[in-house]
Every structure is written in structure tokens, then in C-alpha cells.
Amino acid sequence: MLAVQSFAHRACMAMLLLLSGCLLYSCGSPLRVYTSPTLKDVHQRPQTIAILPLDLTINTSVASGSVEETPLTTGEAAMFQQMLYSILLEQGSKRPVTIRNIDSRQLPAGPPIINTALAKQLGVETFLVTKLHRIQTLYPTTASTVTTYEKSTATTTSTPASVHSRDEVLLDMELYNAQGQLLWKYNAQTTPWLSTPARAIEFLMEEGLRKFPFRR
């Protein structure tokens, strides 16, 4: 009897943890992962990886319909790139892999062109290209005043104008070789209901890099 109660308790706790995770990140769309057949052999997987500067865009829209691209604060993309670098380092800490976090100042002007010349310049075999897109929808509410009457007493309650927001985060990571061929790809999206967009981005990066084709 006690064994049955203990099993039921563990099952209940597991279900609560699953539900809390879904509420925290709204579960989002299923993970979409592609791995090139050339990486099926673990000995063919890269030993050196360059993380190219992260491409970040943020769009803000009002529920009424207007949409505009939000100017980025200085270092915001660099902050998320550093987050990605730290996660990749942690997950690859016991693998024979070297990871280089590339600053835009190390690259020629303009969008980076993946080729053997750039691979030789940076001393790597592969490039990790990351695109991060955040959509923020604003829901403004107008101020209101409500007066209630009870016997000879009147009570007035005022609600100030406010703005509520809903965020959606989309993450795309692609691994290319020096010839520009796609080796691995991961993309996913989520709506962080009970967490910050930054924490949701970190969660997507962690989930995606668990599927990364590390050399063993």
C-alpha cells in the first residue's frame, strides 16, 4: 500500500513539473532539428567552431495594428551571443572541441561571407550562425472610473491607463562548414508567459545545443 502511494506521489510530482514547464515557456512549437548525413559519423564532426556575431531583431506592435522595429540597446546582441557561447562551452566541456567567440571587429566590413578564406583567417572548420527574433505585442488599456453606491455612500474607484505586453521569441541556429554547406540546423519558438524573454531565450539555446553534433 505504501509503495503504491509513493509511486502515485512521484507520478503526481512529475506531472506538476511538466505542467509548470509548459506554463513557464508555453511549450512553443516542436523542436526542429536537421543534421547533415555527413555528420552521422561522429569522427567527421567539427573540432573547431566559430560563433559569428548574433543577428538580433526586435519588432514591437500595438494590438491595434501598427508595427515598428525597436532600436536595439548597445551590447544587447553581444549579451545574447555571450550567453550562447557560455552554454556551448558548458555542453562541450568534455568534448574534443575548440570554440571561438567572434567579435564583429575580427571580421571584414559588411555581412560575413562564409568561405575557406574566412575559415583560415579565424583558424576554424565550421561557423555557427545565430538569428534571434523577438516580437512584442502591446495591449494598451484606457483609464476608467467606476462609482458604486451603497445606501447613502458613494465609492469611486479609478483605474489608470496601462500597457500589457505579450512576447514571442524565435531562435534559429545553423552550422556551416568552410565551403558554406549546411551541416546542422535548429529552430524553435516560444511564448514566455511566466518568465522574462531573456530567460526564454536562454531556455531555447540550452534545448537546441543539447542536439548539437559534438565530436565524441
N, C-alpha and C. Protein backbone atom coordinates (compact mmCIF):
# COMPACT_ATOMS: atom_id res chain seq x y z
N MET A 1 0.83 -1.20 0.00
CA MET A 1 0.00 0.00 0.00
C MET A 1 0.86 1.26 0.00
N LEU A 2 1.89 1.24 0.88
CA LEU A 2 2.79 2.39 0.94
C LEU A 2 3.53 2.57 -0.38
N ALA A 3 3.92 1.46 -1.00
CA ALA A 3 4.62 1.53 -2.29
C ALA A 3 3.75 2.16 -3.36
N VAL A 4 2.45 1.81 -3.36
CA VAL A 4 1.51 2.37 -4.33
C VAL A 4 1.36 3.87 -4.10
N GLN A 5 1.25 4.29 -2.82
CA GLN A 5 1.12 5.72 -2.51
C GLN A 5 2.37 6.48 -2.92
N SER A 6 3.55 5.88 -2.69
CA SER A 6 4.80 6.53 -3.06
C SER A 6 4.90 6.71 -4.56
N PHE A 7 4.50 5.67 -5.33
CA PHE A 7 4.53 5.77 -6.79
C PHE A 7 3.57 6.84 -7.28
N ALA A 8 2.36 6.89 -6.68
CA ALA A 8 1.37 7.89 -7.08
C ALA A 8 1.88 9.29 -6.79
N HIS A 9 2.57 9.45 -5.65
CA HIS A 9 3.10 10.77 -5.29
C HIS A 9 4.17 11.21 -6.29
N ARG A 10 5.08 10.28 -6.68
CA ARG A 10 6.12 10.62 -7.65
C ARG A 10 5.53 10.97 -9.00
N ALA A 11 4.52 10.23 -9.41
CA ALA A 11 3.87 10.49 -10.70
C ALA A 11 3.20 11.85 -10.69
N CYS A 12 2.57 12.19 -9.57
CA CYS A 12 1.90 13.48 -9.45
C CYS A 12 2.91 14.62 -9.52
N MET A 13 4.05 14.46 -8.82
CA MET A 13 5.09 15.50 -8.83
C MET A 13 5.67 15.67 -10.23
N ALA A 14 5.87 14.57 -10.96
CA ALA A 14 6.41 14.65 -12.32
C ALA A 14 5.45 15.40 -13.23
N MET A 15 4.14 15.12 -13.07
CA MET A 15 3.15 15.82 -13.88
C MET A 15 3.12 17.30 -13.57
N LEU A 16 3.25 17.67 -12.28
CA LEU A 16 3.26 19.08 -11.89
C LEU A 16 4.47 19.79 -12.48
N LEU A 17 5.63 19.14 -12.48
CA LEU A 17 6.83 19.74 -13.05
C LEU A 17 6.67 19.96 -14.55
N LEU A 18 6.06 18.98 -15.23
CA LEU A 18 5.84 19.11 -16.67
C LEU A 18 4.90 20.26 -16.97
N LEU A 19 3.81 20.35 -16.21
CA LEU A 19 2.84 21.42 -16.42
C LEU A 19 3.44 22.78 -16.13
N SER A 20 4.26 22.87 -15.07
CA SER A 20 4.87 24.16 -14.73
C SER A 20 5.84 24.59 -15.82
N GLY A 21 6.57 23.63 -16.42
CA GLY A 21 7.47 23.96 -17.52
C GLY A 21 6.71 24.47 -18.73
N CYS A 22 5.59 23.84 -19.02
CA CYS A 22 4.78 24.28 -20.16
C CYS A 22 4.20 25.67 -19.93
N LEU A 23 3.76 25.95 -18.70
CA LEU A 23 3.24 27.28 -18.40
C LEU A 23 4.33 28.33 -18.46
N LEU A 24 5.52 27.97 -18.00
CA LEU A 24 6.61 28.94 -17.95
C LEU A 24 7.03 29.36 -19.35
N TYR A 25 7.08 28.41 -20.28
CA TYR A 25 7.55 28.72 -21.62
C TYR A 25 6.49 28.47 -22.69
N SER A 26 5.26 28.21 -22.28
CA SER A 26 4.15 27.99 -23.20
C SER A 26 4.42 26.85 -24.17
N CYS A 27 5.42 25.98 -23.83
CA CYS A 27 5.78 24.81 -24.63
C CYS A 27 6.23 25.15 -26.05
N GLY A 28 5.61 26.15 -26.70
CA GLY A 28 6.07 26.58 -28.01
C GLY A 28 5.87 25.50 -29.07
N SER A 29 6.53 25.72 -30.21
CA SER A 29 6.42 24.74 -31.29
C SER A 29 7.40 23.61 -31.05
N PRO A 30 7.20 22.44 -31.69
CA PRO A 30 8.15 21.34 -31.53
C PRO A 30 9.53 21.77 -32.02
N LEU A 31 10.57 21.20 -31.40
CA LEU A 31 11.93 21.50 -31.83
C LEU A 31 12.12 20.97 -33.25
N ARG A 32 12.73 21.78 -34.11
CA ARG A 32 13.00 21.35 -35.47
C ARG A 32 14.51 21.28 -35.63
N VAL A 33 15.03 20.09 -35.86
CA VAL A 33 16.47 19.87 -35.93
C VAL A 33 16.80 19.14 -37.22
N TYR A 34 17.82 19.62 -37.92
CA TYR A 34 18.33 18.94 -39.11
C TYR A 34 19.81 18.66 -38.90
N THR A 35 20.25 17.45 -39.21
CA THR A 35 21.66 17.08 -39.17
C THR A 35 22.04 16.47 -40.50
N SER A 36 23.08 17.01 -41.12
CA SER A 36 23.53 16.52 -42.42
C SER A 36 24.00 15.06 -42.30
N PRO A 37 23.73 14.25 -43.32
CA PRO A 37 24.21 12.87 -43.31
C PRO A 37 25.73 12.77 -43.13
N THR A 38 26.45 13.80 -43.55
CA THR A 38 27.91 13.76 -43.42
C THR A 38 28.36 13.79 -41.96
N LEU A 39 27.46 14.19 -41.05
CA LEU A 39 27.82 14.25 -39.62
C LEU A 39 27.36 13.01 -38.86
N LYS A 40 26.77 12.05 -39.56
CA LYS A 40 26.33 10.83 -38.87
C LYS A 40 27.52 10.09 -38.26
N ASP A 41 28.67 10.18 -38.95
CA ASP A 41 29.90 9.60 -38.41
C ASP A 41 30.48 10.60 -37.42
N VAL A 42 30.56 10.23 -36.16
CA VAL A 42 30.99 11.17 -35.12
C VAL A 42 32.42 11.66 -35.36
N HIS A 43 33.22 10.89 -36.11
CA HIS A 43 34.60 11.29 -36.37
C HIS A 43 34.67 12.40 -37.42
N GLN A 44 33.57 12.63 -38.13
CA GLN A 44 33.52 13.69 -39.13
C GLN A 44 33.01 15.01 -38.54
N ARG A 45 32.64 14.99 -37.31
CA ARG A 45 32.08 16.19 -36.69
C ARG A 45 33.19 17.20 -36.38
N PRO A 46 32.83 18.49 -36.33
CA PRO A 46 33.87 19.53 -36.24
C PRO A 46 34.61 19.53 -34.91
N GLN A 47 35.88 19.95 -35.00
CA GLN A 47 36.70 20.11 -33.81
C GLN A 47 36.89 21.59 -33.46
N THR A 48 36.67 22.46 -34.44
CA THR A 48 36.80 23.91 -34.20
C THR A 48 35.57 24.63 -34.73
N ILE A 49 34.99 25.52 -33.93
CA ILE A 49 33.75 26.21 -34.27
C ILE A 49 33.91 27.70 -33.99
N ALA A 50 33.50 28.53 -34.92
CA ALA A 50 33.47 29.98 -34.71
C ALA A 50 32.02 30.42 -34.55
N ILE A 51 31.71 31.10 -33.44
CA ILE A 51 30.38 31.67 -33.26
C ILE A 51 30.40 33.06 -33.89
N LEU A 52 29.72 33.22 -35.01
CA LEU A 52 29.69 34.52 -35.67
C LEU A 52 28.75 35.47 -34.92
N PRO A 53 28.94 36.80 -35.11
CA PRO A 53 28.10 37.77 -34.40
C PRO A 53 26.60 37.48 -34.56
N LEU A 54 25.91 37.46 -33.44
CA LEU A 54 24.49 37.12 -33.41
C LEU A 54 23.66 38.21 -34.08
N ASP A 55 22.70 37.79 -34.90
CA ASP A 55 21.79 38.71 -35.59
C ASP A 55 20.50 38.82 -34.78
N LEU A 56 20.27 39.99 -34.18
CA LEU A 56 19.11 40.19 -33.30
C LEU A 56 18.20 41.26 -33.87
N THR A 57 16.90 40.94 -33.94
CA THR A 57 15.89 41.94 -34.32
C THR A 57 14.75 41.89 -33.32
N ILE A 58 14.20 43.04 -33.03
CA ILE A 58 13.05 43.14 -32.11
C ILE A 58 11.99 43.98 -32.79
N ASN A 59 10.81 43.42 -32.96
CA ASN A 59 9.68 44.15 -33.53
C ASN A 59 8.62 44.38 -32.46
N THR A 60 8.15 45.59 -32.36
CA THR A 60 7.09 45.93 -31.41
C THR A 60 5.84 46.32 -32.18
N SER A 61 4.73 45.72 -31.84
CA SER A 61 3.46 46.05 -32.48
C SER A 61 2.42 46.36 -31.42
N VAL A 62 1.49 47.23 -31.78
CA VAL A 62 0.37 47.55 -30.91
C VAL A 62 -0.82 46.72 -31.39
N ALA A 63 -1.63 46.28 -30.46
CA ALA A 63 -2.75 45.39 -30.80
C ALA A 63 -3.65 46.00 -31.86
N SER A 64 -3.64 47.34 -31.98
CA SER A 64 -4.49 48.00 -32.97
C SER A 64 -3.98 47.79 -34.39
N GLY A 65 -2.67 47.40 -34.53
CA GLY A 65 -2.19 47.06 -35.86
C GLY A 65 -0.87 47.65 -36.28
N SER A 66 -0.39 48.74 -35.70
CA SER A 66 0.87 49.35 -36.13
C SER A 66 2.05 48.51 -35.67
N VAL A 67 3.09 48.42 -36.52
CA VAL A 67 4.28 47.62 -36.23
C VAL A 67 5.51 48.47 -36.50
N GLU A 68 6.49 48.39 -35.61
CA GLU A 68 7.75 49.10 -35.85
C GLU A 68 8.91 48.29 -35.28
N GLU A 69 10.08 48.48 -35.89
CA GLU A 69 11.27 47.80 -35.41
C GLU A 69 11.87 48.59 -34.28
N THR A 70 12.10 47.94 -33.15
CA THR A 70 12.60 48.62 -31.96
C THR A 70 14.12 48.79 -32.04
N PRO A 71 14.63 50.01 -31.82
CA PRO A 71 16.09 50.19 -31.81
C PRO A 71 16.71 49.35 -30.69
N LEU A 72 17.84 48.73 -31.00
CA LEU A 72 18.49 47.86 -30.02
C LEU A 72 19.41 48.68 -29.13
N THR A 73 19.46 48.31 -27.86
CA THR A 73 20.40 48.95 -26.95
C THR A 73 21.80 48.42 -27.22
N THR A 74 22.80 49.24 -26.95
CA THR A 74 24.18 48.85 -27.20
C THR A 74 24.55 47.59 -26.42
N GLY A 75 25.07 46.64 -27.12
CA GLY A 75 25.53 45.42 -26.46
C GLY A 75 24.46 44.37 -26.23
N GLU A 76 23.23 44.62 -26.66
CA GLU A 76 22.16 43.63 -26.41
C GLU A 76 22.42 42.34 -27.18
N ALA A 77 22.78 42.46 -28.47
CA ALA A 77 23.08 41.26 -29.26
C ALA A 77 24.33 40.57 -28.71
N ALA A 78 25.33 41.37 -28.29
CA ALA A 78 26.56 40.79 -27.73
C ALA A 78 26.27 40.02 -26.45
N MET A 79 25.30 40.50 -25.66
CA MET A 79 24.94 39.81 -24.42
C MET A 79 24.37 38.42 -24.72
N PHE A 80 23.48 38.33 -25.71
CA PHE A 80 22.90 37.03 -26.05
C PHE A 80 23.93 36.12 -26.71
N GLN A 81 24.87 36.71 -27.47
CA GLN A 81 25.94 35.90 -28.06
C GLN A 81 26.83 35.33 -26.97
N GLN A 82 27.11 36.11 -25.94
CA GLN A 82 27.92 35.62 -24.83
C GLN A 82 27.18 34.51 -24.09
N MET A 83 25.87 34.64 -23.97
CA MET A 83 25.05 33.59 -23.35
C MET A 83 25.18 32.30 -24.15
N LEU A 84 25.07 32.42 -25.47
CA LEU A 84 25.19 31.25 -26.35
C LEU A 84 26.57 30.62 -26.20
N TYR A 85 27.60 31.44 -26.18
CA TYR A 85 28.98 30.96 -26.04
C TYR A 85 29.16 30.20 -24.73
N SER A 86 28.61 30.73 -23.65
CA SER A 86 28.75 30.08 -22.34
C SER A 86 28.06 28.72 -22.32
N ILE A 87 26.86 28.65 -22.92
CA ILE A 87 26.12 27.39 -22.94
C ILE A 87 26.86 26.36 -23.79
N LEU A 88 27.38 26.80 -24.95
CA LEU A 88 28.11 25.89 -25.83
C LEU A 88 29.39 25.39 -25.16
N LEU A 89 30.07 26.28 -24.44
CA LEU A 89 31.26 25.87 -23.70
C LEU A 89 30.93 24.83 -22.64
N GLU A 90 29.84 25.08 -21.92
CA GLU A 90 29.44 24.17 -20.85
C GLU A 90 29.08 22.79 -21.40
N GLN A 91 28.29 22.77 -22.47
CA GLN A 91 27.84 21.49 -23.00
C GLN A 91 28.95 20.76 -23.76
N GLY A 92 29.96 21.51 -24.22
CA GLY A 92 31.05 20.87 -24.93
C GLY A 92 32.31 20.74 -24.10
N SER A 93 32.19 20.95 -22.78
CA SER A 93 33.37 20.99 -21.92
C SER A 93 34.13 19.66 -21.89
N LYS A 94 33.44 18.56 -22.11
CA LYS A 94 34.10 17.25 -22.05
C LYS A 94 34.29 16.65 -23.44
N ARG A 95 34.16 17.49 -24.45
CA ARG A 95 34.32 17.03 -25.83
C ARG A 95 35.60 17.62 -26.44
N PRO A 96 36.19 16.94 -27.41
CA PRO A 96 37.39 17.47 -28.06
C PRO A 96 37.05 18.54 -29.08
N VAL A 97 36.65 19.71 -28.59
CA VAL A 97 36.21 20.78 -29.48
C VAL A 97 36.74 22.12 -28.97
N THR A 98 37.10 23.00 -29.92
CA THR A 98 37.55 24.35 -29.60
C THR A 98 36.51 25.33 -30.14
N ILE A 99 36.06 26.25 -29.29
CA ILE A 99 35.01 27.20 -29.67
C ILE A 99 35.57 28.61 -29.59
N ARG A 100 35.40 29.38 -30.65
CA ARG A 100 35.87 30.76 -30.68
C ARG A 100 34.67 31.69 -30.79
N ASN A 101 34.59 32.65 -29.87
CA ASN A 101 33.51 33.62 -29.87
C ASN A 101 33.98 34.85 -30.64
N ILE A 102 33.43 35.07 -31.83
CA ILE A 102 33.95 36.07 -32.76
C ILE A 102 33.23 37.41 -32.59
N ASP A 103 34.04 38.45 -32.47
CA ASP A 103 33.54 39.82 -32.41
C ASP A 103 33.49 40.39 -33.82
N SER A 104 32.56 41.31 -34.07
CA SER A 104 32.43 41.89 -35.41
C SER A 104 33.71 42.58 -35.86
N ARG A 105 34.52 43.06 -34.90
CA ARG A 105 35.77 43.74 -35.25
C ARG A 105 36.81 42.78 -35.82
N GLN A 106 36.60 41.48 -35.66
CA GLN A 106 37.52 40.49 -36.20
C GLN A 106 37.18 40.10 -37.64
N LEU A 107 36.09 40.66 -38.15
CA LEU A 107 35.60 40.29 -39.47
C LEU A 107 35.72 41.46 -40.43
N PRO A 108 35.77 41.17 -41.73
CA PRO A 108 35.73 42.26 -42.73
C PRO A 108 34.41 43.02 -42.61
N ALA A 109 34.39 44.26 -43.09
CA ALA A 109 33.18 45.07 -43.04
C ALA A 109 32.06 44.42 -43.85
N GLY A 110 30.84 44.61 -43.38
CA GLY A 110 29.69 44.05 -44.08
C GLY A 110 29.31 42.69 -43.52
N PRO A 111 28.23 42.11 -44.05
CA PRO A 111 27.81 40.78 -43.60
C PRO A 111 28.91 39.75 -43.83
N PRO A 112 29.14 38.85 -42.86
CA PRO A 112 30.21 37.86 -43.02
C PRO A 112 29.91 36.90 -44.17
N ILE A 113 30.93 36.62 -44.97
CA ILE A 113 30.82 35.67 -46.07
C ILE A 113 31.59 34.41 -45.67
N ILE A 114 30.85 33.31 -45.54
CA ILE A 114 31.47 32.06 -45.11
C ILE A 114 32.20 31.42 -46.28
N ASN A 115 33.50 31.28 -46.15
CA ASN A 115 34.31 30.64 -47.18
C ASN A 115 35.60 30.14 -46.55
N THR A 116 36.42 29.48 -47.36
CA THR A 116 37.66 28.91 -46.83
C THR A 116 38.64 29.98 -46.37
N ALA A 117 38.60 31.16 -47.01
CA ALA A 117 39.50 32.24 -46.60
C ALA A 117 39.18 32.71 -45.18
N LEU A 118 37.88 32.86 -44.87
CA LEU A 118 37.48 33.27 -43.52
C LEU A 118 37.81 32.17 -42.51
N ALA A 119 37.60 30.91 -42.91
CA ALA A 119 37.93 29.80 -42.01
C ALA A 119 39.42 29.79 -41.68
N LYS A 120 40.24 30.05 -42.68
CA LYS A 120 41.69 30.09 -42.45
C LYS A 120 42.07 31.27 -41.57
N GLN A 121 41.42 32.42 -41.81
CA GLN A 121 41.72 33.63 -41.02
C GLN A 121 41.40 33.41 -39.54
N LEU A 122 40.28 32.75 -39.26
CA LEU A 122 39.85 32.54 -37.87
C LEU A 122 40.39 31.24 -37.28
N GLY A 123 40.96 30.39 -38.12
CA GLY A 123 41.50 29.13 -37.63
C GLY A 123 40.45 28.14 -37.19
N VAL A 124 39.37 28.02 -37.98
CA VAL A 124 38.27 27.11 -37.61
C VAL A 124 37.85 26.29 -38.83
N GLU A 125 37.06 25.25 -38.54
CA GLU A 125 36.50 24.39 -39.60
C GLU A 125 35.06 24.77 -39.92
N THR A 126 34.33 25.24 -38.90
CA THR A 126 32.90 25.47 -39.05
C THR A 126 32.48 26.81 -38.44
N PHE A 127 31.27 27.25 -38.82
CA PHE A 127 30.73 28.52 -38.36
C PHE A 127 29.32 28.31 -37.82
N LEU A 128 29.05 28.86 -36.64
CA LEU A 128 27.70 28.81 -36.08
C LEU A 128 27.05 30.17 -36.30
N VAL A 129 25.98 30.18 -37.09
CA VAL A 129 25.25 31.40 -37.42
C VAL A 129 23.95 31.41 -36.63
N THR A 130 23.71 32.48 -35.87
CA THR A 130 22.54 32.53 -34.98
C THR A 130 21.70 33.75 -35.28
N LYS A 131 20.40 33.52 -35.45
CA LYS A 131 19.44 34.61 -35.64
C LYS A 131 18.41 34.55 -34.53
N LEU A 132 18.16 35.68 -33.92
CA LEU A 132 17.23 35.76 -32.80
C LEU A 132 16.23 36.87 -33.09
N HIS A 133 14.95 36.52 -33.02
CA HIS A 133 13.89 37.49 -33.33
C HIS A 133 12.88 37.50 -32.19
N ARG A 134 12.61 38.69 -31.70
CA ARG A 134 11.64 38.84 -30.62
C ARG A 134 10.50 39.74 -31.09
N ILE A 135 9.29 39.26 -30.93
CA ILE A 135 8.10 40.03 -31.31
C ILE A 135 7.36 40.40 -30.03
N GLN A 136 7.16 41.69 -29.82
CA GLN A 136 6.47 42.17 -28.63
C GLN A 136 5.18 42.86 -29.06
N THR A 137 4.06 42.35 -28.57
CA THR A 137 2.75 42.94 -28.87
C THR A 137 2.24 43.67 -27.63
N LEU A 138 1.90 44.94 -27.81
CA LEU A 138 1.43 45.76 -26.69
C LEU A 138 -0.09 45.85 -26.71
N TYR A 139 -0.67 45.76 -25.52
CA TYR A 139 -2.11 45.85 -25.36
C TYR A 139 -2.42 46.99 -24.39
N PRO A 140 -2.61 48.20 -24.92
CA PRO A 140 -2.89 49.33 -24.01
C PRO A 140 -4.34 49.31 -23.53
N THR A 141 -4.54 49.71 -22.30
CA THR A 141 -5.89 49.85 -21.75
C THR A 141 -6.09 51.30 -21.31
N THR A 142 -7.28 51.81 -21.50
CA THR A 142 -7.56 53.20 -21.15
C THR A 142 -7.95 53.32 -19.68
N ALA A 143 -7.79 54.52 -19.18
CA ALA A 143 -8.18 54.77 -17.79
C ALA A 143 -9.70 54.67 -17.65
N SER A 144 -10.14 54.25 -16.48
CA SER A 144 -11.59 54.13 -16.25
C SER A 144 -11.91 54.49 -14.81
N THR A 145 -13.16 54.92 -14.61
CA THR A 145 -13.65 55.26 -13.27
C THR A 145 -15.00 54.59 -13.05
N VAL A 146 -15.12 53.90 -11.94
CA VAL A 146 -16.36 53.20 -11.60
C VAL A 146 -16.85 53.70 -10.26
N THR A 147 -18.12 54.09 -10.18
CA THR A 147 -18.72 54.56 -8.94
C THR A 147 -19.81 53.59 -8.51
N THR A 148 -19.70 53.12 -7.28
CA THR A 148 -20.71 52.22 -6.73
C THR A 148 -21.42 52.91 -5.57
N TYR A 149 -22.68 52.60 -5.41
CA TYR A 149 -23.49 53.23 -4.37
C TYR A 149 -24.02 52.16 -3.42
N GLU A 150 -23.84 52.41 -2.14
CA GLU A 150 -24.38 51.53 -1.12
C GLU A 150 -25.05 52.38 -0.06
N LYS A 151 -26.37 52.30 0.01
CA LYS A 151 -27.18 53.18 0.87
C LYS A 151 -26.90 54.63 0.51
N SER A 152 -26.40 55.41 1.42
CA SER A 152 -26.15 56.82 1.13
C SER A 152 -24.68 57.11 0.85
N THR A 153 -23.89 56.03 0.67
CA THR A 153 -22.45 56.21 0.45
C THR A 153 -22.09 55.86 -0.99
N ALA A 154 -21.30 56.76 -1.58
CA ALA A 154 -20.81 56.53 -2.95
C ALA A 154 -19.30 56.26 -2.91
N THR A 155 -18.88 55.19 -3.60
CA THR A 155 -17.45 54.83 -3.64
C THR A 155 -16.99 54.87 -5.08
N THR A 156 -15.93 55.65 -5.33
CA THR A 156 -15.38 55.78 -6.68
C THR A 156 -14.03 55.09 -6.76
N THR A 157 -13.88 54.22 -7.75
CA THR A 157 -12.62 53.51 -7.97
C THR A 157 -12.08 53.88 -9.35
N SER A 158 -10.84 54.35 -9.37
CA SER A 158 -10.22 54.76 -10.62
C SER A 158 -9.11 53.78 -11.00
N THR A 159 -9.08 53.41 -12.26
CA THR A 159 -8.03 52.54 -12.78
C THR A 159 -7.23 53.32 -13.82
N PRO A 160 -5.93 53.54 -13.58
CA PRO A 160 -5.13 54.32 -14.54
C PRO A 160 -4.89 53.56 -15.84
N ALA A 161 -4.56 54.30 -16.87
CA ALA A 161 -4.21 53.67 -18.14
C ALA A 161 -2.94 52.84 -17.97
N SER A 162 -2.87 51.73 -18.66
CA SER A 162 -1.69 50.86 -18.55
C SER A 162 -1.46 50.12 -19.86
N VAL A 163 -0.32 49.47 -19.93
CA VAL A 163 0.03 48.71 -21.14
C VAL A 163 0.49 47.32 -20.72
N HIS A 164 -0.13 46.30 -21.28
CA HIS A 164 0.30 44.92 -21.07
C HIS A 164 0.95 44.43 -22.35
N SER A 165 1.86 43.50 -22.23
CA SER A 165 2.56 43.02 -23.42
C SER A 165 2.58 41.50 -23.47
N ARG A 166 2.71 41.01 -24.69
CA ARG A 166 2.88 39.57 -24.95
C ARG A 166 4.08 39.41 -25.85
N ASP A 167 5.01 38.54 -25.47
CA ASP A 167 6.24 38.34 -26.24
C ASP A 167 6.26 36.99 -26.92
N GLU A 168 6.90 36.96 -28.07
CA GLU A 168 7.17 35.71 -28.77
C GLU A 168 8.63 35.73 -29.18
N VAL A 169 9.33 34.63 -28.94
CA VAL A 169 10.76 34.55 -29.21
C VAL A 169 11.01 33.45 -30.25
N LEU A 170 11.79 33.77 -31.28
CA LEU A 170 12.15 32.80 -32.32
C LEU A 170 13.66 32.73 -32.40
N LEU A 171 14.19 31.52 -32.37
CA LEU A 171 15.63 31.29 -32.40
C LEU A 171 15.97 30.35 -33.55
N ASP A 172 17.00 30.73 -34.32
CA ASP A 172 17.46 29.91 -35.43
C ASP A 172 18.98 29.80 -35.34
N MET A 173 19.50 28.57 -35.29
CA MET A 173 20.95 28.33 -35.26
C MET A 173 21.33 27.40 -36.40
N GLU A 174 22.38 27.76 -37.14
CA GLU A 174 22.82 26.97 -38.28
C GLU A 174 24.34 26.80 -38.23
N LEU A 175 24.80 25.59 -38.52
CA LEU A 175 26.23 25.29 -38.54
C LEU A 175 26.65 25.02 -39.98
N TYR A 176 27.66 25.76 -40.45
CA TYR A 176 28.16 25.62 -41.81
C TYR A 176 29.63 25.21 -41.80
N ASN A 177 30.04 24.49 -42.84
CA ASN A 177 31.46 24.21 -42.98
C ASN A 177 32.12 25.34 -43.77
N ALA A 178 33.42 25.21 -44.00
CA ALA A 178 34.17 26.28 -44.66
C ALA A 178 33.75 26.50 -46.11
N GLN A 179 33.06 25.51 -46.70
CA GLN A 179 32.58 25.65 -48.09
C GLN A 179 31.17 26.23 -48.14
N GLY A 180 30.62 26.58 -46.98
CA GLY A 180 29.27 27.17 -46.94
C GLY A 180 28.16 26.15 -46.97
N GLN A 181 28.46 24.88 -46.75
CA GLN A 181 27.43 23.84 -46.76
C GLN A 181 26.80 23.72 -45.38
N LEU A 182 25.47 23.60 -45.34
CA LEU A 182 24.73 23.47 -44.09
C LEU A 182 24.96 22.08 -43.50
N LEU A 183 25.46 22.05 -42.26
CA LEU A 183 25.72 20.78 -41.58
C LEU A 183 24.68 20.44 -40.53
N TRP A 184 24.14 21.48 -39.89
CA TRP A 184 23.20 21.27 -38.77
C TRP A 184 22.35 22.51 -38.63
N LYS A 185 21.09 22.30 -38.25
CA LYS A 185 20.18 23.43 -38.11
C LYS A 185 19.18 23.15 -37.00
N TYR A 186 18.90 24.19 -36.22
CA TYR A 186 17.90 24.08 -35.16
C TYR A 186 17.08 25.36 -35.15
N ASN A 187 15.77 25.23 -35.07
CA ASN A 187 14.95 26.43 -34.86
C ASN A 187 13.74 26.08 -34.02
N ALA A 188 13.32 27.05 -33.22
CA ALA A 188 12.18 26.86 -32.33
C ALA A 188 11.66 28.22 -31.92
N GLN A 189 10.48 28.22 -31.37
CA GLN A 189 9.90 29.46 -30.87
C GLN A 189 9.12 29.17 -29.59
N THR A 190 8.94 30.21 -28.80
CA THR A 190 8.20 30.05 -27.56
C THR A 190 7.58 31.38 -27.17
N THR A 191 6.58 31.31 -26.33
CA THR A 191 5.95 32.50 -25.76
C THR A 191 6.12 32.43 -24.25
N PRO A 192 6.99 33.27 -23.69
CA PRO A 192 7.25 33.19 -22.24
C PRO A 192 6.13 33.83 -21.43
N TRP A 193 5.25 33.00 -20.89
CA TRP A 193 4.14 33.53 -20.11
C TRP A 193 4.56 33.97 -18.72
N LEU A 194 5.33 33.14 -18.03
CA LEU A 194 5.66 33.42 -16.63
C LEU A 194 7.14 33.70 -16.43
N SER A 195 7.88 33.95 -17.50
CA SER A 195 9.30 34.26 -17.37
C SER A 195 9.62 35.47 -18.24
N THR A 196 10.85 35.95 -18.14
CA THR A 196 11.28 37.07 -18.96
C THR A 196 11.69 36.55 -20.34
N PRO A 197 11.67 37.42 -21.37
CA PRO A 197 12.14 36.98 -22.69
C PRO A 197 13.59 36.48 -22.66
N ALA A 198 14.44 37.11 -21.85
CA ALA A 198 15.84 36.68 -21.77
C ALA A 198 15.96 35.25 -21.25
N ARG A 199 15.17 34.92 -20.24
CA ARG A 199 15.21 33.55 -19.71
C ARG A 199 14.66 32.56 -20.72
N ALA A 200 13.64 32.97 -21.47
CA ALA A 200 13.09 32.09 -22.51
C ALA A 200 14.11 31.85 -23.61
N ILE A 201 14.88 32.89 -23.97
CA ILE A 201 15.93 32.75 -24.98
C ILE A 201 16.99 31.77 -24.49
N GLU A 202 17.38 31.91 -23.24
CA GLU A 202 18.37 31.00 -22.66
C GLU A 202 17.87 29.56 -22.69
N PHE A 203 16.61 29.37 -22.39
CA PHE A 203 16.00 28.04 -22.40
C PHE A 203 16.06 27.44 -23.81
N LEU A 204 15.72 28.23 -24.84
CA LEU A 204 15.75 27.72 -26.21
C LEU A 204 17.17 27.36 -26.62
N MET A 205 18.14 28.20 -26.23
CA MET A 205 19.53 27.90 -26.56
C MET A 205 19.99 26.60 -25.91
N GLU A 206 19.64 26.43 -24.64
CA GLU A 206 20.03 25.21 -23.93
C GLU A 206 19.40 23.98 -24.60
N GLU A 207 18.11 24.08 -24.94
CA GLU A 207 17.43 22.95 -25.57
C GLU A 207 18.05 22.62 -26.93
N GLY A 208 18.35 23.67 -27.72
CA GLY A 208 18.90 23.45 -29.04
C GLY A 208 20.29 22.86 -29.00
N LEU A 209 21.15 23.37 -28.11
CA LEU A 209 22.53 22.91 -28.07
C LEU A 209 22.67 21.51 -27.46
N ARG A 210 21.61 21.01 -26.83
CA ARG A 210 21.62 19.60 -26.43
C ARG A 210 21.59 18.69 -27.65
N LYS A 211 21.16 19.23 -28.79
CA LYS A 211 21.10 18.46 -30.03
C LYS A 211 22.33 18.73 -30.91
N PHE A 212 23.27 19.52 -30.41
CA PHE A 212 24.41 19.93 -31.24
C PHE A 212 25.30 18.73 -31.56
N PRO A 213 25.81 18.65 -32.80
CA PRO A 213 26.62 17.48 -33.20
C PRO A 213 28.07 17.58 -32.72
N PHE A 214 28.28 17.42 -31.42
CA PHE A 214 29.63 17.44 -30.88
C PHE A 214 30.40 16.20 -31.31
N ARG A 215 31.71 16.37 -31.47
CA ARG A 215 32.58 15.22 -31.70
C ARG A 215 32.76 14.49 -30.37
N ARG A 216 32.72 13.18 -30.40
CA ARG A 216 32.85 12.40 -29.18
C ARG A 216 34.24 11.78 -29.07
